[in-house]
Amino acid sequence: MVEDLQTSAPIAGATVKAGGSSTTTDANGAFNLSVPVGKLTVSITAPGYQSGSFSAVSDPGQTDDVGVLTLLNADTNPPAPPV
């Protein structure tokens, strides 16, 4: 899942790339991506956000959950986080 670092809001339409594959996040910031087994870098870009790169390991024969990946809003004056 891809979320805004400051607000924890899901980021829809982010591009996620890893292991030679690419996909786009859904309305909930979720994504599925088939990648080769081993260590890899997950790169994420989205309009209005700074890009992010994260390390991950893909295990053979398993569905791996990379958890929540966050991007920082590129706006110099972002809204305050929820209380």
PDB file of N, CA and C in Angstrom:
ATOM      1  N   MET A   1       0.845  -1.167   0.000  1.00  0.00           N
ATOM      2  CA  MET A   1       0.000   0.000   0.000  1.00  0.00           C
ATOM      3  C   MET A   1       0.894   1.236   0.000  1.00  0.00           C
ATOM      4  N   VAL A   2       0.472   2.251  -0.736  1.00  0.00           N
ATOM      5  CA  VAL A   2       1.223   3.511  -0.808  1.00  0.00           C
ATOM      6  C   VAL A   2       0.379   4.606  -0.166  1.00  0.00           C
ATOM      7  N   GLU A   3       0.983   5.306   0.801  1.00  0.00           N
ATOM      8  CA  GLU A   3       0.274   6.354   1.542  1.00  0.00           C
ATOM      9  C   GLU A   3       1.092   7.632   1.598  1.00  0.00           C
ATOM     10  N   ASP A   4       0.378   8.739   1.844  1.00  0.00           N
ATOM     11  CA  ASP A   4       0.991  10.033   2.102  1.00  0.00           C
ATOM     12  C   ASP A   4       1.665   9.971   3.471  1.00  0.00           C
ATOM     13  N   LEU A   5       2.934  10.329   3.548  1.00  0.00           N
ATOM     14  CA  LEU A   5       3.693  10.250   4.790  1.00  0.00           C
ATOM     15  C   LEU A   5       3.078  11.092   5.902  1.00  0.00           C
ATOM     16  N   GLN A   6       2.546  12.260   5.566  1.00  0.00           N
ATOM     17  CA  GLN A   6       2.054  13.173   6.589  1.00  0.00           C
ATOM     18  C   GLN A   6       0.596  12.933   6.975  1.00  0.00           C
ATOM     19  N   THR A   7      -0.238  12.532   6.038  1.00  0.00           N
ATOM     20  CA  THR A   7      -1.662  12.402   6.333  1.00  0.00           C
ATOM     21  C   THR A   7      -2.130  10.954   6.434  1.00  0.00           C
ATOM     22  N   SER A   8      -1.296  10.003   6.009  1.00  0.00           N
ATOM     23  CA  SER A   8      -1.637   8.575   5.944  1.00  0.00           C
ATOM     24  C   SER A   8      -2.755   8.283   4.944  1.00  0.00           C
ATOM     25  N   ALA A   9      -3.075   9.251   4.091  1.00  0.00           N
ATOM     26  CA  ALA A   9      -4.100   9.038   3.060  1.00  0.00           C
ATOM     27  C   ALA A   9      -3.526   8.152   1.956  1.00  0.00           C
ATOM     28  N   PRO A  10      -4.334   7.238   1.407  1.00  0.00           N
ATOM     29  CA  PRO A  10      -3.845   6.412   0.300  1.00  0.00           C
ATOM     30  C   PRO A  10      -3.543   7.268  -0.926  1.00  0.00           C
ATOM     31  N   ILE A  11      -2.542   6.859  -1.689  1.00  0.00           N
ATOM     32  CA  ILE A  11      -2.178   7.574  -2.909  1.00  0.00           C
ATOM     33  C   ILE A  11      -2.607   6.723  -4.102  1.00  0.00           C
ATOM     34  N   ALA A  12      -3.690   7.131  -4.740  1.00  0.00           N
ATOM     35  CA  ALA A  12      -4.200   6.429  -5.928  1.00  0.00           C
ATOM     36  C   ALA A  12      -3.424   6.884  -7.154  1.00  0.00           C
ATOM     37  N   GLY A  13      -3.182   5.969  -8.081  1.00  0.00           N
ATOM     38  CA  GLY A  13      -2.547   6.316  -9.339  1.00  0.00           C
ATOM     39  C   GLY A  13      -1.037   6.437  -9.281  1.00  0.00           C
ATOM     40  N   ALA A  14      -0.409   6.020  -8.167  1.00  0.00           N
ATOM     41  CA  ALA A  14       1.054   6.040  -8.090  1.00  0.00           C
ATOM     42  C   ALA A  14       1.615   4.920  -8.965  1.00  0.00           C
ATOM     43  N   THR A  15       2.743   5.161  -9.581  1.00  0.00           N
ATOM     44  CA  THR A  15       3.412   4.142 -10.393  1.00  0.00           C
ATOM     45  C   THR A  15       4.423   3.416  -9.522  1.00  0.00           C
ATOM     46  N   VAL A  16       4.304   2.085  -9.502  1.00  0.00           N
ATOM     47  CA  VAL A  16       5.196   1.244  -8.699  1.00  0.00           C
ATOM     48  C   VAL A  16       5.998   0.365  -9.655  1.00  0.00           C
ATOM     49  N   LYS A  17       7.336   0.403  -9.514  1.00  0.00           N
ATOM     50  CA  LYS A  17       8.213  -0.397 -10.375  1.00  0.00           C
ATOM     51  C   LYS A  17       9.148  -1.229  -9.508  1.00  0.00           C
ATOM     52  N   ALA A  18       9.348  -2.491  -9.913  1.00  0.00           N
ATOM     53  CA  ALA A  18      10.297  -3.373  -9.231  1.00  0.00           C
ATOM     54  C   ALA A  18      10.569  -4.584 -10.105  1.00  0.00           C
ATOM     55  N   GLY A  19      11.813  -5.027 -10.121  1.00  0.00           N
ATOM     56  CA  GLY A  19      12.173  -6.247 -10.829  1.00  0.00           C
ATOM     57  C   GLY A  19      11.776  -6.284 -12.283  1.00  0.00           C
ATOM     58  N   GLY A  20      11.782  -5.143 -12.958  1.00  0.00           N
ATOM     59  CA  GLY A  20      11.432  -5.095 -14.369  1.00  0.00           C
ATOM     60  C   GLY A  20       9.936  -5.042 -14.639  1.00  0.00           C
ATOM     61  N   SER A  21       9.113  -5.009 -13.585  1.00  0.00           N
ATOM     62  CA  SER A  21       7.657  -4.916 -13.732  1.00  0.00           C
ATOM     63  C   SER A  21       7.175  -3.555 -13.242  1.00  0.00           C
ATOM     64  N   SER A  22       5.985  -3.179 -13.687  1.00  0.00           N
ATOM     65  CA  SER A  22       5.410  -1.895 -13.314  1.00  0.00           C
ATOM     66  C   SER A  22       3.898  -2.030 -13.180  1.00  0.00           C
ATOM     67  N   THR A  23       3.315  -1.269 -12.248  1.00  0.00           N
ATOM     68  CA  THR A  23       1.863  -1.248 -12.075  1.00  0.00           C
ATOM     69  C   THR A  23       1.467   0.099 -11.477  1.00  0.00           C
ATOM     70  N   THR A  24       0.167   0.290 -11.297  1.00  0.00           N
ATOM     71  CA  THR A  24      -0.376   1.521 -10.726  1.00  0.00           C
ATOM     72  C   THR A  24      -1.223   1.190  -9.511  1.00  0.00           C
ATOM     73  N   THR A  25      -1.151   2.029  -8.487  1.00  0.00           N
ATOM     74  CA  THR A  25      -1.958   1.793  -7.290  1.00  0.00           C
ATOM     75  C   THR A  25      -3.435   2.065  -7.569  1.00  0.00           C
ATOM     76  N   ASP A  26      -4.304   1.346  -6.835  1.00  0.00           N
ATOM     77  CA  ASP A  26      -5.744   1.537  -6.988  1.00  0.00           C
ATOM     78  C   ASP A  26      -6.218   2.681  -6.087  1.00  0.00           C
ATOM     79  N   ALA A  27      -7.518   2.870  -5.976  1.00  0.00           N
ATOM     80  CA  ALA A  27      -8.088   3.969  -5.195  1.00  0.00           C
ATOM     81  C   ALA A  27      -7.701   3.906  -3.720  1.00  0.00           C
ATOM     82  N   ASN A  28      -7.346   2.712  -3.235  1.00  0.00           N
ATOM     83  CA  ASN A  28      -6.948   2.531  -1.834  1.00  0.00           C
ATOM     84  C   ASN A  28      -5.438   2.551  -1.646  1.00  0.00           C
ATOM     85  N   GLY A  29      -4.697   2.865  -2.713  1.00  0.00           N
ATOM     86  CA  GLY A  29      -3.247   2.881  -2.639  1.00  0.00           C
ATOM     87  C   GLY A  29      -2.618   1.499  -2.712  1.00  0.00           C
ATOM     88  N   ALA A  30      -3.424   0.469  -2.948  1.00  0.00           N
ATOM     89  CA  ALA A  30      -2.930  -0.912  -2.991  1.00  0.00           C
ATOM     90  C   ALA A  30      -2.418  -1.262  -4.384  1.00  0.00           C
ATOM     91  N   PHE A  31      -1.523  -2.254  -4.424  1.00  0.00           N
ATOM     92  CA  PHE A  31      -0.994  -2.719  -5.712  1.00  0.00           C
ATOM     93  C   PHE A  31      -0.553  -4.168  -5.602  1.00  0.00           C
ATOM     94  N   ASN A  32      -0.530  -4.841  -6.742  1.00  0.00           N
ATOM     95  CA  ASN A  32       0.025  -6.187  -6.876  1.00  0.00           C
ATOM     96  C   ASN A  32       1.036  -6.141  -8.002  1.00  0.00           C
ATOM     97  N   LEU A  33       2.159  -6.820  -7.799  1.00  0.00           N
ATOM     98  CA  LEU A  33       3.230  -6.788  -8.783  1.00  0.00           C
ATOM     99  C   LEU A  33       3.964  -8.122  -8.770  1.00  0.00           C
ATOM    100  N   SER A  34       4.093  -8.746  -9.924  1.00  0.00           N
ATOM    101  CA  SER A  34       4.867  -9.985 -10.045  1.00  0.00           C
ATOM    102  C   SER A  34       6.321  -9.621 -10.275  1.00  0.00           C
ATOM    103  N   VAL A  35       7.194 -10.135  -9.396  1.00  0.00           N
ATOM    104  CA  VAL A  35       8.618  -9.803  -9.477  1.00  0.00           C
ATOM    105  C   VAL A  35       9.454 -11.077  -9.354  1.00  0.00           C
ATOM    106  N   PRO A  36      10.703 -11.026  -9.799  1.00  0.00           N
ATOM    107  CA  PRO A  36      11.572 -12.184  -9.655  1.00  0.00           C
ATOM    108  C   PRO A  36      11.955 -12.410  -8.187  1.00  0.00           C
ATOM    109  N   VAL A  37      12.373 -13.605  -7.870  1.00  0.00           N
ATOM    110  CA  VAL A  37      12.806 -13.958  -6.518  1.00  0.00           C
ATOM    111  C   VAL A  37      14.117 -13.252  -6.195  1.00  0.00           C
ATOM    112  N   GLY A  38      14.252 -12.793  -4.958  1.00  0.00           N
ATOM    113  CA  GLY A  38      15.496 -12.192  -4.493  1.00  0.00           C
ATOM    114  C   GLY A  38      15.330 -10.765  -4.006  1.00  0.00           C
ATOM    115  N   LYS A  39      16.457 -10.119  -3.756  1.00  0.00           N
ATOM    116  CA  LYS A  39      16.458  -8.733  -3.293  1.00  0.00           C
ATOM    117  C   LYS A  39      16.137  -7.818  -4.460  1.00  0.00           C
ATOM    118  N   LEU A  40      15.351  -6.772  -4.200  1.00  0.00           N
ATOM    119  CA  LEU A  40      15.009  -5.827  -5.245  1.00  0.00           C
ATOM    120  C   LEU A  40      14.701  -4.468  -4.652  1.00  0.00           C
ATOM    121  N   THR A  41      14.656  -3.487  -5.523  1.00  0.00           N
ATOM    122  CA  THR A  41      14.303  -2.128  -5.127  1.00  0.00           C
ATOM    123  C   THR A  41      12.928  -1.809  -5.694  1.00  0.00           C
ATOM    124  N   VAL A  42      12.047  -1.326  -4.826  1.00  0.00           N
ATOM    125  CA  VAL A  42      10.708  -0.893  -5.232  1.00  0.00           C
ATOM    126  C   VAL A  42      10.764   0.621  -5.367  1.00  0.00           C
ATOM    127  N   SER A  43      10.482   1.141  -6.566  1.00  0.00           N
ATOM    128  CA  SER A  43      10.493   2.586  -6.821  1.00  0.00           C
ATOM    129  C   SER A  43       9.065   3.055  -7.047  1.00  0.00           C
ATOM    130  N   ILE A  44       8.718   4.179  -6.412  1.00  0.00           N
ATOM    131  CA  ILE A  44       7.354   4.702  -6.514  1.00  0.00           C
ATOM    132  C   ILE A  44       7.393   6.171  -6.899  1.00  0.00           C
ATOM    133  N   THR A  45       6.556   6.527  -7.872  1.00  0.00           N
ATOM    134  CA  THR A  45       6.385   7.927  -8.256  1.00  0.00           C
ATOM    135  C   THR A  45       4.898   8.241  -8.296  1.00  0.00           C
ATOM    136  N   ALA A  46       4.567   9.490  -7.986  1.00  0.00           N
ATOM    137  CA  ALA A  46       3.179   9.945  -8.051  1.00  0.00           C
ATOM    138  C   ALA A  46       3.181  11.459  -8.224  1.00  0.00           C
ATOM    139  N   PRO A  47       2.258  11.975  -9.037  1.00  0.00           N
ATOM    140  CA  PRO A  47       2.183  13.431  -9.213  1.00  0.00           C
ATOM    141  C   PRO A  47       1.964  14.129  -7.871  1.00  0.00           C
ATOM    142  N   GLY A  48       2.743  15.183  -7.630  1.00  0.00           N
ATOM    143  CA  GLY A  48       2.599  15.952  -6.396  1.00  0.00           C
ATOM    144  C   GLY A  48       3.377  15.393  -5.221  1.00  0.00           C
ATOM    145  N   TYR A  49       4.160  14.314  -5.459  1.00  0.00           N
ATOM    146  CA  TYR A  49       4.927  13.687  -4.383  1.00  0.00           C
ATOM    147  C   TYR A  49       6.378  13.516  -4.791  1.00  0.00           C
ATOM    148  N   GLN A  50       7.263  13.520  -3.802  1.00  0.00           N
ATOM    149  CA  GLN A  50       8.651  13.174  -4.055  1.00  0.00           C
ATOM    150  C   GLN A  50       8.706  11.672  -4.311  1.00  0.00           C
ATOM    151  N   SER A  51       9.558  11.240  -5.226  1.00  0.00           N
ATOM    152  CA  SER A  51       9.661   9.809  -5.512  1.00  0.00           C
ATOM    153  C   SER A  51      10.301   9.093  -4.328  1.00  0.00           C
ATOM    154  N   GLY A  52      10.058   7.789  -4.249  1.00  0.00           N
ATOM    155  CA  GLY A  52      10.617   6.999  -3.158  1.00  0.00           C
ATOM    156  C   GLY A  52      11.161   5.684  -3.663  1.00  0.00           C
ATOM    157  N   SER A  53      12.199   5.169  -2.991  1.00  0.00           N
ATOM    158  CA  SER A  53      12.775   3.865  -3.304  1.00  0.00           C
ATOM    159  C   SER A  53      12.893   3.078  -2.006  1.00  0.00           C
ATOM    160  N   PHE A  54      12.511   1.800  -2.058  1.00  0.00           N
ATOM    161  CA  PHE A  54      12.473   0.956  -0.880  1.00  0.00           C
ATOM    162  C   PHE A  54      13.084  -0.404  -1.209  1.00  0.00           C
ATOM    163  N   SER A  55      13.789  -0.992  -0.271  1.00  0.00           N
ATOM    164  CA  SER A  55      14.361  -2.322  -0.454  1.00  0.00           C
ATOM    165  C   SER A  55      13.336  -3.372  -0.042  1.00  0.00           C
ATOM    166  N   ALA A  56      13.325  -4.491  -0.767  1.00  0.00           N
ATOM    167  CA  ALA A  56      12.406  -5.588  -0.463  1.00  0.00           C
ATOM    168  C   ALA A  56      13.060  -6.901  -0.866  1.00  0.00           C
ATOM    169  N   VAL A  57      12.522  -8.005  -0.360  1.00  0.00           N
ATOM    170  CA  VAL A  57      12.975  -9.344  -0.730  1.00  0.00           C
ATOM    171  C   VAL A  57      11.763 -10.140  -1.154  1.00  0.00           C
ATOM    172  N   SER A  58      11.853 -10.754  -2.308  1.00  0.00           N
ATOM    173  CA  SER A  58      10.773 -11.604  -2.821  1.00  0.00           C
ATOM    174  C   SER A  58      11.169 -13.064  -2.606  1.00  0.00           C
ATOM    175  N   ASP A  59      10.319 -13.802  -1.897  1.00  0.00           N
ATOM    176  CA  ASP A  59      10.581 -15.210  -1.605  1.00  0.00           C
ATOM    177  C   ASP A  59       9.953 -16.104  -2.662  1.00  0.00           C
ATOM    178  N   PRO A  60      10.588 -17.238  -2.974  1.00  0.00           N
ATOM    179  CA  PRO A  60      10.045 -18.138  -4.004  1.00  0.00           C
ATOM    180  C   PRO A  60       8.714 -18.762  -3.584  1.00  0.00           C
ATOM    181  N   GLY A  61       7.763 -18.782  -4.520  1.00  0.00           N
ATOM    182  CA  GLY A  61       6.482 -19.447  -4.300  1.00  0.00           C
ATOM    183  C   GLY A  61       5.584 -18.798  -3.276  1.00  0.00           C
ATOM    184  N   GLN A  62       5.830 -17.530  -2.941  1.00  0.00           N
ATOM    185  CA  GLN A  62       5.011 -16.875  -1.923  1.00  0.00           C
ATOM    186  C   GLN A  62       4.521 -15.522  -2.404  1.00  0.00           C
ATOM    187  N   THR A  63       3.432 -15.073  -1.790  1.00  0.00           N
ATOM    188  CA  THR A  63       2.961 -13.715  -1.990  1.00  0.00           C
ATOM    189  C   THR A  63       3.522 -12.897  -0.836  1.00  0.00           C
ATOM    190  N   ASP A  64       4.324 -11.913  -1.135  1.00  0.00           N
ATOM    191  CA  ASP A  64       4.962 -11.103  -0.103  1.00  0.00           C
ATOM    192  C   ASP A  64       4.236  -9.772   0.044  1.00  0.00           C
ATOM    193  N   ASP A  65       4.076  -9.335   1.279  1.00  0.00           N
ATOM    194  CA  ASP A  65       3.443  -8.059   1.592  1.00  0.00           C
ATOM    195  C   ASP A  65       4.534  -7.091   2.016  1.00  0.00           C
ATOM    196  N   VAL A  66       4.728  -6.028   1.259  1.00  0.00           N
ATOM    197  CA  VAL A  66       5.777  -5.055   1.598  1.00  0.00           C
ATOM    198  C   VAL A  66       5.295  -4.047   2.630  1.00  0.00           C
ATOM    199  N   GLY A  67       4.042  -4.153   3.056  1.00  0.00           N
ATOM    200  CA  GLY A  67       3.510  -3.245   4.064  1.00  0.00           C
ATOM    201  C   GLY A  67       3.133  -1.904   3.473  1.00  0.00           C
ATOM    202  N   VAL A  68       3.212  -0.871   4.289  1.00  0.00           N
ATOM    203  CA  VAL A  68       2.853   0.482   3.866  1.00  0.00           C
ATOM    204  C   VAL A  68       4.117   1.218   3.449  1.00  0.00           C
ATOM    205  N   LEU A  69       4.125   1.706   2.217  1.00  0.00           N
ATOM    206  CA  LEU A  69       5.228   2.514   1.702  1.00  0.00           C
ATOM    207  C   LEU A  69       4.730   3.953   1.624  1.00  0.00           C
ATOM    208  N   THR A  70       5.523   4.890   2.111  1.00  0.00           N
ATOM    209  CA  THR A  70       5.059   6.274   2.186  1.00  0.00           C
ATOM    210  C   THR A  70       5.848   7.198   1.262  1.00  0.00           C
ATOM    211  N   LEU A  71       5.148   8.190   0.742  1.00  0.00           N
ATOM    212  CA  LEU A  71       5.770   9.231  -0.073  1.00  0.00           C
ATOM    213  C   LEU A  71       5.528  10.577   0.586  1.00  0.00           C
ATOM    214  N   LEU A  72       6.491  11.468   0.468  1.00  0.00           N
ATOM    215  CA  LEU A  72       6.390  12.806   1.026  1.00  0.00           C
ATOM    216  C   LEU A  72       5.799  13.750  -0.006  1.00  0.00           C
ATOM    217  N   ASN A  73       4.794  14.505   0.411  1.00  0.00           N
ATOM    218  CA  ASN A  73       4.160  15.491  -0.450  1.00  0.00           C
ATOM    219  C   ASN A  73       5.204  16.487  -0.929  1.00  0.00           C
ATOM    220  N   ALA A  74       5.205  16.784  -2.215  1.00  0.00           N
ATOM    221  CA  ALA A  74       6.175  17.724  -2.776  1.00  0.00           C
ATOM    222  C   ALA A  74       5.812  19.173  -2.480  1.00  0.00           C
ATOM    223  N   ASP A  75       4.590  19.406  -2.004  1.00  0.00           N
ATOM    224  CA  ASP A  75       4.132  20.753  -1.649  1.00  0.00           C
ATOM    225  C   ASP A  75       4.965  21.266  -0.479  1.00  0.00           C
ATOM    226  N   THR A  76       5.416  22.493  -0.566  1.00  0.00           N
ATOM    227  CA  THR A  76       6.225  23.065   0.518  1.00  0.00           C
ATOM    228  C   THR A  76       5.372  23.483   1.705  1.00  0.00           C
ATOM    229  N   ASN A  77       4.051  23.486   1.548  1.00  0.00           N
ATOM    230  CA  ASN A  77       3.166  23.865   2.639  1.00  0.00           C
ATOM    231  C   ASN A  77       2.025  22.855   2.728  1.00  0.00           C
ATOM    232  N   PRO A  78       2.319  21.584   3.061  1.00  0.00           N
ATOM    233  CA  PRO A  78       1.279  20.559   3.089  1.00  0.00           C
ATOM    234  C   PRO A  78       0.336  20.747   4.271  1.00  0.00           C
ATOM    235  N   PRO A  79      -0.834  20.139   4.216  1.00  0.00           N
ATOM    236  CA  PRO A  79      -1.782  20.249   5.321  1.00  0.00           C
ATOM    237  C   PRO A  79      -1.230  19.546   6.565  1.00  0.00           C
ATOM    238  N   ALA A  80      -1.705  19.970   7.711  1.00  0.00           N
ATOM    239  CA  ALA A  80      -1.283  19.338   8.972  1.00  0.00           C
ATOM    240  C   ALA A  80      -1.814  17.920   9.037  1.00  0.00           C
ATOM    241  N   PRO A  81      -1.066  17.015   9.678  1.00  0.00           N
ATOM    242  CA  PRO A  81      -1.556  15.634   9.808  1.00  0.00           C
ATOM    243  C   PRO A  81      -2.815  15.592  10.655  1.00  0.00           C
ATOM    244  N   PRO A  82      -3.643  14.548  10.461  1.00  0.00           N
ATOM    245  CA  PRO A  82      -4.865  14.448  11.274  1.00  0.00           C
ATOM    246  C   PRO A  82      -4.527  14.239  12.740  1.00  0.00           C
ATOM    247  N   VAL A  83      -5.417  14.674  13.597  1.00  0.00           N
ATOM    248  CA  VAL A  83      -5.184  14.555  15.034  1.00  0.00           C
ATOM    249  C   VAL A  83      -5.821  13.306  15.576  1.00  0.00           C
TER     250      VAL A  83
END
